[in-house]
Protein backbone atom coordinates (compact mmCIF):
# COMPACT_ATOMS: atom_id res chain seq x y z
CA MET A 1 93.17 61.45 82.73
CA ASN A 2 95.42 58.57 83.68
CA PRO A 3 99.24 58.60 83.35
CA ALA A 4 99.21 56.16 80.42
CA SER A 5 97.01 58.53 78.45
CA ARG A 6 99.30 61.45 79.23
CA ASP A 7 102.30 59.42 78.04
CA ARG A 8 100.85 58.80 74.58
CA GLU A 9 99.54 62.37 74.13
CA GLN A 10 101.69 65.24 72.96
CA PRO A 11 101.06 68.87 74.06
CA LEU A 12 100.52 71.30 71.18
CA PHE A 13 99.88 74.64 72.91
CA SER A 14 99.66 75.88 76.51
CA THR A 15 98.54 79.13 78.16
CA LYS A 16 97.40 80.50 81.52
CA ALA A 17 93.74 81.37 82.18
CA HIS A 18 91.02 81.46 84.84
CA VAL A 19 88.64 78.54 84.24
CA PHE A 20 84.84 78.80 84.63
CA GLN A 21 81.91 76.43 84.04
CA ILE A 22 78.30 77.37 83.37
CA ASP A 23 75.93 76.89 86.30
CA PRO A 24 73.93 73.69 85.47
CA ALA A 25 70.93 75.02 87.40
CA THR A 26 70.50 78.47 85.83
CA LYS A 27 72.51 78.03 82.60
CA ARG A 28 73.32 81.74 82.92
CA ASN A 29 75.86 82.22 85.71
CA TRP A 30 79.53 81.26 85.71
CA ILE A 31 81.02 79.11 88.47
CA PRO A 32 84.82 79.47 88.99
CA ALA A 33 86.53 76.11 88.52
CA SER A 34 89.93 77.38 89.70
CA LYS A 35 90.93 79.81 92.44
CA HIS A 36 93.72 81.27 90.30
CA ALA A 37 95.03 81.13 86.75
CA VAL A 38 95.96 77.57 85.72
CA THR A 39 97.61 76.01 82.69
CA VAL A 40 95.24 75.16 79.82
CA SER A 41 96.76 72.96 77.09
CA PHE A 42 95.83 71.40 73.75
CA PHE A 43 96.83 67.72 73.53
CA TYR A 44 96.88 65.27 70.60
CA ASP A 45 96.28 61.55 71.14
CA ALA A 46 98.10 59.84 68.26
CA ASN A 47 96.58 56.40 68.99
CA ARG A 48 92.96 57.61 68.89
CA SER A 49 93.60 60.56 66.51
CA VAL A 50 91.69 62.97 68.73
CA TYR A 51 92.42 66.44 70.03
CA ARG A 52 91.59 67.49 73.58
CA ILE A 53 91.73 70.58 75.82
CA ILE A 54 93.00 69.63 79.28
CA SER A 55 93.58 71.65 82.45
CA VAL A 56 94.48 70.24 85.86
CA GLY A 57 93.87 72.09 89.11
CA GLY A 58 95.51 70.44 92.10
CA THR A 59 94.84 66.70 91.83
CA LYS A 60 91.79 66.77 89.54
CA ALA A 61 91.12 67.67 85.93
CA ILE A 62 88.92 70.77 85.70
CA ILE A 63 88.84 70.64 81.86
CA ASN A 64 88.81 67.43 79.81
CA SER A 65 87.12 68.37 76.53
CA THR A 66 87.44 66.41 73.28
CA ILE A 67 87.36 68.77 70.30
CA THR A 68 84.89 67.93 67.51
CA PRO A 69 84.54 69.66 64.11
CA ASN A 70 81.20 71.25 65.04
CA MET A 71 82.54 72.99 68.16
CA THR A 72 82.92 76.78 68.15
CA PHE A 73 84.98 79.01 70.41
CA THR A 74 83.27 82.38 70.93
CA LYS A 75 84.92 85.52 72.27
CA THR A 76 82.27 87.21 74.44
CA SER A 77 84.51 90.08 75.60
CA GLN A 78 88.02 91.40 75.11
CA LYS A 79 89.55 88.89 77.53
CA PHE A 80 86.92 86.15 77.85
CA GLY A 81 85.87 83.28 75.61
CA GLN A 82 83.72 80.14 75.83
CA TRP A 83 82.82 76.90 74.07
CA ALA A 84 80.19 74.21 74.61
CA ASP A 85 80.99 70.51 75.11
CA SER A 86 77.93 68.32 74.56
CA ARG A 87 79.72 65.19 75.77
CA ALA A 88 80.58 66.82 79.10
CA ASN A 89 77.12 68.53 79.08
CA THR A 90 78.62 71.89 80.08
CA VAL A 91 79.96 75.18 78.76
CA TYR A 92 83.54 76.12 79.56
CA GLY A 93 84.69 79.72 79.95
CA LEU A 94 88.26 81.08 80.05
CA GLY A 95 89.35 84.48 81.36
CA PHE A 96 92.73 85.70 80.12
CA SER A 97 94.96 88.47 81.43
CA THR A 98 95.54 90.00 77.97
CA GLU A 99 93.70 90.22 74.65
CA GLN A 100 96.72 88.69 72.91
CA GLN A 101 96.43 85.48 74.95
CA LEU A 102 92.72 85.23 74.09
CA GLN A 103 93.47 85.68 70.37
CA GLN A 104 96.23 83.06 70.46
CA PHE A 105 93.90 80.56 72.13
CA SER A 106 91.12 81.31 69.62
CA ASP A 107 93.48 80.82 66.65
CA GLN A 108 94.79 77.57 68.11
CA PHE A 109 91.22 76.37 68.70
CA LYS A 110 90.39 76.97 65.01
CA GLU A 111 93.52 75.11 63.87
CA VAL A 112 92.84 72.14 66.14
CA LYS A 113 89.18 72.09 65.11
CA GLU A 114 90.23 71.92 61.42
CA ALA A 115 92.76 69.20 62.24
CA ALA A 116 90.03 67.23 64.06
CA ARG A 117 87.78 67.56 61.00
CA LEU A 118 90.54 66.25 58.70
CA ALA A 119 91.31 63.40 61.09
CA ARG A 120 87.64 62.41 61.19
CA GLU A 121 87.37 62.46 57.39
CA LYS A 122 90.53 60.40 57.07
CA SER A 123 89.24 57.84 59.57
CA GLN A 124 85.93 57.66 57.67
CA GLU A 125 87.75 57.04 54.38
CA LYS A 126 89.79 54.25 55.94
CA PHE A 127 86.64 52.70 57.39
CA GLU A 128 84.79 52.87 54.05
CA LEU A 129 87.75 51.29 52.21
CA SER A 130 87.95 48.47 54.75
CA ASN A 131 84.11 47.99 54.67
CA PRO A 132 82.93 48.75 51.08
CA GLY A 133 79.49 47.21 51.62
CA LEU A 134 78.69 49.41 54.61
CA ASN A 135 77.28 52.88 54.05
CA ILE A 136 78.04 55.00 57.07
CA ALA A 137 77.39 58.40 55.54
CA ALA A 138 73.83 58.62 56.81
CA PRO A 139 74.57 57.49 60.39
CA GLN A 140 77.53 59.84 60.53
CA LEU A 141 75.41 62.73 59.32
CA SER A 142 72.69 61.78 61.78
CA GLN A 143 75.24 61.67 64.58
CA GLU A 144 76.55 65.15 63.70
CA LEU A 145 73.01 66.55 63.45
CA SER A 146 72.11 64.96 66.78
CA GLU A 147 75.26 66.34 68.36
CA GLU A 148 74.47 69.80 67.01
CA ARG A 149 70.89 69.50 68.24
CA HIS A 150 72.00 68.58 71.75
CA THR A 151 74.74 71.22 71.89
CA PRO A 152 73.67 73.86 74.42
CA PRO A 153 73.60 77.40 73.05
CA LEU A 154 76.58 79.62 73.70
CA LEU A 155 75.46 82.13 76.29
CA CYS A 156 76.92 85.59 76.04
CA VAL A 157 76.39 86.18 79.75
CA ASN A 158 79.79 87.75 80.25
CA GLY A 159 78.95 91.30 79.24
CA PRO A 160 81.05 94.35 80.08
CA GLY A 161 79.77 94.51 83.64
CA GLU A 162 80.28 90.82 84.38
CA ASP A 163 83.69 90.90 82.71
CA LYS A 164 84.69 93.66 85.13
CA LEU A 165 83.27 91.67 88.03
CA MET A 166 85.35 88.67 86.98
CA ARG A 167 88.44 90.85 86.66
CA SER A 168 87.77 92.45 90.05
CA LYS A 169 87.50 88.99 91.64
CA SER A 170 90.73 87.98 89.98
CA ALA A 171 92.32 91.25 91.11
CA ASP A 172 91.09 90.63 94.68
CA MET A 173 92.61 87.15 94.68
CA GLU A 174 95.89 88.44 93.29
CA LEU A 175 95.81 91.35 95.76
CA SER A 176 95.25 89.03 98.73
CA SER A 177 98.15 86.81 97.68
CA GLU A 178 100.31 89.91 97.13
CA LYS A 179 99.34 91.19 100.59
CA GLU A 180 100.28 87.87 102.19
CA ARG A 181 103.62 87.91 100.36
CA ILE A 182 104.32 91.50 101.43
CA LYS A 183 103.29 90.78 105.04
CA LYS A 184 105.62 87.79 105.07
CA MET A 185 108.43 89.90 103.58
CA LEU A 186 107.81 92.65 106.14
CA SER A 187 107.77 90.17 109.04
CA GLU A 188 110.96 88.52 107.82
CA GLY A 189 112.49 91.94 107.26
CA SER A 190 111.55 93.13 110.76
CA ILE A 191 113.02 89.98 112.35
CA CYS A 192 116.17 90.37 110.27
CA GLU A 193 116.34 94.04 111.18
CA ILE A 194 116.02 93.25 114.90
CA ASN A 195 118.81 90.68 114.65
CA MET A 196 120.98 93.12 112.74
CA GLU A 197 120.29 95.87 115.28
CA ALA A 198 121.25 93.51 118.11
CA GLU A 199 124.43 92.53 116.31
CA LEU A 200 125.11 96.20 115.53
CA LEU A 201 124.72 97.14 119.20
CA THR A 202 127.06 94.30 120.17
CA LEU A 203 129.63 95.45 117.63
CA GLN A 204 129.27 99.07 118.78
CA ASP A 205 129.86 97.95 122.38
CA SER A 206 132.88 95.92 121.30
CA ASN A 207 134.13 98.83 119.23
CA ALA A 208 133.75 101.20 122.21
CA LYS A 209 135.72 98.79 124.37
CA LEU A 210 138.39 98.46 121.67
CA VAL A 211 138.58 102.25 121.30
CA ALA A 212 138.95 102.64 125.07
CA ALA A 213 141.61 99.93 125.11
CA LEU A 214 143.31 101.63 122.15
CA HIS A 215 143.38 104.99 123.93
CA GLU A 216 144.73 103.32 127.03
CA ALA A 217 147.32 101.50 124.93
CA ASN A 218 148.30 104.78 123.23
CA THR A 219 148.73 106.38 126.64
CA SER A 220 150.74 103.38 127.84
CA VAL A 221 152.88 103.47 124.68
CA ASP A 222 153.68 107.14 125.28
CA GLN A 223 154.63 106.34 128.87
CA TRP A 224 156.67 103.34 127.72
CA LYS A 225 158.46 105.45 125.12
CA LYS A 226 159.25 108.07 127.75
CA GLN A 227 160.47 105.41 130.19
CA LEU A 228 162.51 103.79 127.41
CA ALA A 229 164.18 107.09 126.61
CA GLU A 230 164.94 107.61 130.32
CA TYR A 231 166.32 104.07 130.59
CA GLN A 232 168.48 104.59 127.52
CA GLU A 233 169.82 107.85 128.97
CA GLU A 234 170.47 106.11 132.29
CA THR A 235 172.21 103.26 130.47
CA ASP A 236 174.41 105.67 128.53
CA ARG A 237 175.26 107.51 131.74
CA LEU A 238 176.13 104.27 133.52
CA ARG A 239 178.26 103.13 130.59
CA GLU A 240 180.11 106.44 130.72
CA GLN A 241 180.70 105.92 134.43
CA VAL A 242 181.99 102.41 133.75
CA ALA A 243 184.32 103.78 131.08
CA GLU A 244 185.58 106.47 133.50
CA LEU A 245 186.14 103.91 136.23
CA GLU A 246 188.01 101.64 133.85
CA ALA A 247 190.18 104.60 132.79
CA GLN A 248 190.87 105.51 136.38
CA SER A 249 191.74 101.91 137.20
CA GLY A 250 194.22 101.90 134.31
CA LEU A 251 195.94 105.13 135.38
CA SER A 252 196.55 104.39 139.06
CA PRO A 253 196.59 101.02 140.73
CA PRO A 254 193.75 101.04 143.17
CA SER A 255 193.86 99.68 146.65
CA ASP A 256 192.23 96.42 147.67
CA ARG A 257 189.26 98.29 149.09
CA GLY A 258 189.00 100.41 145.96
CA LYS A 259 189.07 97.24 143.87
CA ASP A 260 186.28 95.75 145.91
CA ASP A 261 184.23 98.92 145.58
CA LEU A 262 184.91 99.05 141.87
CA ALA A 263 183.95 95.39 141.40
CA GLN A 264 180.78 95.94 143.42
CA SER A 265 179.94 99.03 141.39
CA LEU A 266 180.50 97.08 138.16
CA GLU A 267 178.25 94.26 139.33
CA GLU A 268 175.53 96.75 140.30
CA LEU A 269 175.85 98.46 136.95
CA GLU A 270 175.63 95.13 135.08
CA ALA A 271 172.58 94.11 137.11
CA LEU A 272 170.97 97.48 136.39
CA LEU A 273 171.76 97.15 132.66
CA LYS A 274 170.26 93.67 132.64
CA ALA A 275 167.09 94.93 134.34
CA LYS A 276 166.83 97.79 131.84
CA ASP A 277 167.24 95.35 128.91
CA GLU A 278 164.44 93.19 130.29
CA GLU A 279 162.19 96.23 130.61
CA ILE A 280 162.99 97.18 127.01
CA HIS A 281 162.04 93.67 125.81
CA SER A 282 158.82 93.86 127.84
CA LEU A 283 157.93 97.20 126.25
CA GLN A 284 158.58 95.77 122.76
CA SER A 285 156.24 92.81 123.44
CA LYS A 286 153.55 95.23 124.66
CA LYS A 287 153.97 97.14 121.42
CA SER A 288 153.13 93.97 119.45
CA ASP A 289 149.99 93.59 121.60
CA PHE A 290 149.09 97.15 120.68
CA ASN A 291 149.39 96.28 116.99
CA GLU A 292 147.02 93.33 117.46
CA LEU A 293 144.51 95.62 119.21
CA GLU A 294 144.75 98.03 116.31
CA LYS A 295 144.09 95.21 113.83
CA GLU A 296 141.05 94.00 115.80
CA ARG A 297 139.72 97.55 115.87
CA GLU A 298 140.01 97.83 112.07
CA GLU A 299 138.18 94.50 111.63
CA ALA A 300 135.37 95.61 113.95
CA LYS A 301 135.11 98.90 112.08
CA GLN A 302 134.81 97.04 108.75
CA ARG A 303 132.11 94.73 110.14
CA MET A 304 130.19 97.76 111.41
CA GLN A 305 130.33 99.35 107.95
CA ASP A 306 129.06 96.11 106.36
CA LEU A 307 126.18 95.97 108.82
CA GLU A 308 125.28 99.57 108.12
CA GLN A 309 125.18 98.82 104.38
CA LYS A 310 122.94 95.78 105.02
CA ASN A 311 120.68 97.91 107.19
CA VAL A 312 120.36 100.52 104.41
CA GLU A 313 119.53 97.78 101.88
CA LEU A 314 116.93 96.29 104.25
CA GLU A 315 115.31 99.70 104.75
CA ARG A 316 115.18 100.12 100.96
CA ARG A 317 113.48 96.74 100.56
CA ILE A 318 110.94 97.60 103.28
CA ARG A 319 110.15 100.93 101.61
CA SER A 320 109.72 99.14 98.27
CA ALA A 321 107.40 96.58 99.87
CA GLU A 322 105.35 99.34 101.49
CA GLU A 323 105.08 101.16 98.15
CA THR A 324 103.97 97.90 96.46
CA LEU A 325 101.35 97.35 99.17
CA ALA A 326 100.07 100.92 98.77
CA SER A 327 99.91 100.49 94.98
CA SER A 328 98.01 97.19 95.36
CA GLN A 329 95.54 98.84 97.73
CA GLU A 330 95.00 101.67 95.24
CA GLU A 331 94.36 99.15 92.44
CA ARG A 332 91.88 97.29 94.64
CA ASP A 333 90.08 100.54 95.52
CA LEU A 334 89.89 101.41 91.81
CA ALA A 335 88.48 97.95 91.02
CA ILE A 336 85.88 98.29 93.80
CA SER A 337 84.86 101.75 92.59
CA GLU A 338 84.55 100.39 89.03
CA VAL A 339 82.33 97.55 90.24
CA GLN A 340 80.18 100.00 92.22
CA ARG A 341 79.85 102.20 89.14
CA VAL A 342 78.74 99.21 87.06
CA ILE A 343 76.23 98.22 89.75
CA GLU A 344 74.83 101.77 89.74
CA ILE A 345 74.49 101.64 85.95
CA LEU A 346 72.70 98.28 86.22
CA ASP A 347 70.39 99.70 88.89
CA VAL A 348 69.51 102.63 86.60
CA LYS A 349 68.86 100.23 83.72
CA ILE A 350 66.68 98.05 85.94
CA PHE A 351 64.78 101.13 87.09
CA ASP A 352 64.27 102.20 83.46
CA LEU A 353 63.15 98.69 82.60
CA ASN A 354 60.58 98.76 85.41
CA ASP A 355 59.29 102.09 84.15
CA LEU A 356 59.02 100.65 80.66
CA ARG A 357 57.11 97.65 81.99
CA GLN A 358 54.69 99.94 83.84
CA SER A 359 54.18 102.01 80.73
CA LEU A 360 53.50 98.87 78.69
CA ALA A 361 51.06 97.66 81.33
CA LYS A 362 49.21 100.94 81.20
CA LEU A 363 49.05 100.78 77.41
CA LEU A 364 47.75 97.25 77.56
CA ASP A 365 45.11 98.30 80.09
CA LYS A 366 43.97 101.03 77.77
């Protein structure tokens, strides 16, 4: 179907289904036309007044069926239906995931079939009015009878056993895709987990270093506080000595040598006070560094908590993926056991049929 045709057609109804076509050689077996469920839509061509069922798989159309009034959609099982297209010389089959989807498609098929019948009658009336001397009733009837005569019979080859086989194939395809998705998720999760573990180890190492530095800083702060207290006591003592010396100098006039000694003592005391003040400033700056270390430690601790939460979430996702994989495997095992059971039933029926044939042969011989 070309783009121009798609532009002038309007979609009426769409659904998802597995598409099959009858085997042209045997006319009994179904050949899958799509690897997975595809979109199947009813379209109306307003220019040509025709209704069509169209489904595209990849880059090609796997269904392009024009609906005629004599077509019939038959439900051969609870989730499978088929119709014959004489123009395409094939029988199409659709497998749905639910009975409701099959019923909706069947109802839509009936409505579109009725609309196609009305459109054909309307076009015939217009043609007869425009050509009153031409009688087209007989050719039209002949065409419909010919079309019905060439319509291949609807084959109810999708019995309970084959319906289960089709569903098991569909389940296998869905299971394989689910397995690939889970494997991909697990691989991505393992890589992410390795990266997170590496980052966690790095943060733990950094945190250990920060804790060691913090302990060392705490020890240094205690020592600095003790030294600061000693320096303050020494400063107070020196100030008291200065005050005593000044009092003594005011009471009795000292000698020149005493003045020199006093001046030297004052200079030494001032130098010592200056040195103590510098040490106090140095201790205060180290205290600010300690606060920065404490802040970095808190940030590292928060990052570690965030990583632990991410690790817990990743473990939860991995457990969920493993549970999904286990559930998918159980469903696949159940489908395989169901298929085996159906095969055993068919083998028993074939064996009974062979016995019946032998009995009939013996009766005929008699």
